[in-house]
């Protein structure tokens, strides 16, 4: 499980956007978003750099925690 600090998330739409973006690249990915902590946890075979880029493409600032 990889954890990312993600800024700019505030609602259910944000959760869906990030989850769908990651799962578009890895349909088997397990994505868990914590809006309060501003973190996203991802269990995926994708490299960390790819996951950060996918989240950034959705318009959020992301960095490995």
Protein backbone atom coordinates (compact mmCIF):
# COMPACT_ATOMS: atom_id res chain seq x y z
CA UNK A 1 0.00 0.00 0.00
CA UNK A 2 1.46 3.33 -1.09
CA UNK A 3 0.36 6.55 0.61
CA UNK A 4 0.24 9.98 -1.02
CA UNK A 5 -0.40 13.44 0.40
CA UNK A 6 -2.94 15.06 -1.90
CA UNK A 7 -3.98 18.70 -1.71
CA UNK A 8 -7.19 20.06 -3.17
CA UNK A 9 -9.57 17.22 -2.32
CA UNK A 10 -12.79 18.33 -0.65
CA UNK A 11 -15.74 16.15 -1.65
CA UNK A 12 -17.09 12.92 -3.03
CA UNK A 13 -16.43 14.09 -6.57
CA UNK A 14 -12.73 14.35 -5.73
CA UNK A 15 -12.75 10.81 -4.34
CA UNK A 16 -14.45 9.44 -7.46
CA UNK A 17 -12.19 11.36 -9.85
CA UNK A 18 -9.00 10.07 -8.25
CA UNK A 19 -10.31 6.53 -7.82
CA UNK A 20 -11.51 6.30 -11.43
CA UNK A 21 -8.29 7.80 -12.80
CA UNK A 22 -6.10 5.27 -10.96
CA UNK A 23 -8.37 2.35 -11.84
CA UNK A 24 -8.37 3.38 -15.50
CA UNK A 25 -4.64 2.63 -15.50
CA UNK A 26 -4.85 -0.39 -13.15
CA UNK A 27 -8.36 -1.88 -12.91
CA UNK A 28 -7.27 -4.08 -10.00
CA UNK A 29 -6.03 -1.14 -7.91
CA UNK A 30 -7.42 -0.68 -4.41
CA UNK A 31 -7.82 3.07 -3.76
CA UNK A 32 -8.68 4.53 -0.36
CA UNK A 33 -9.16 8.27 0.06
CA UNK A 34 -9.21 10.05 3.43
CA UNK A 35 -10.50 13.59 2.83
CA UNK A 36 -9.84 14.68 6.43
CA UNK A 37 -6.21 13.58 6.39
CA UNK A 38 -5.80 14.61 2.73
CA UNK A 39 -4.26 11.24 1.90
CA UNK A 40 -4.78 8.64 -0.78
CA UNK A 41 -3.67 5.06 -0.26
CA UNK A 42 -3.20 2.90 -3.33
CA UNK A 43 -2.48 -0.80 -3.65
CA UNK A 44 -1.34 -1.16 -7.24
CA UNK A 45 1.33 -2.62 -9.46
CA UNK A 46 1.90 0.86 -10.95
CA UNK A 47 5.11 2.68 -9.99
CA UNK A 48 4.92 5.58 -7.52
CA UNK A 49 5.84 8.15 -10.20
CA UNK A 50 3.00 6.96 -12.41
CA UNK A 51 0.48 7.16 -9.58
CA UNK A 52 1.59 10.70 -8.71
CA UNK A 53 1.23 11.70 -12.38
CA UNK A 54 -2.25 10.16 -12.64
CA UNK A 55 -3.42 12.11 -9.57
CA UNK A 56 -1.84 15.33 -10.87
CA UNK A 57 -3.59 14.87 -14.24
CA UNK A 58 -6.89 15.07 -12.31
CA UNK A 59 -5.86 18.52 -11.01
CA UNK A 60 -4.56 17.69 -7.53
CA UNK A 61 -1.15 18.26 -5.99
CA UNK A 62 0.26 14.87 -4.97
CA UNK A 63 3.44 13.64 -3.35
CA UNK A 64 4.51 10.37 -1.77
CA UNK A 65 3.95 10.42 2.00
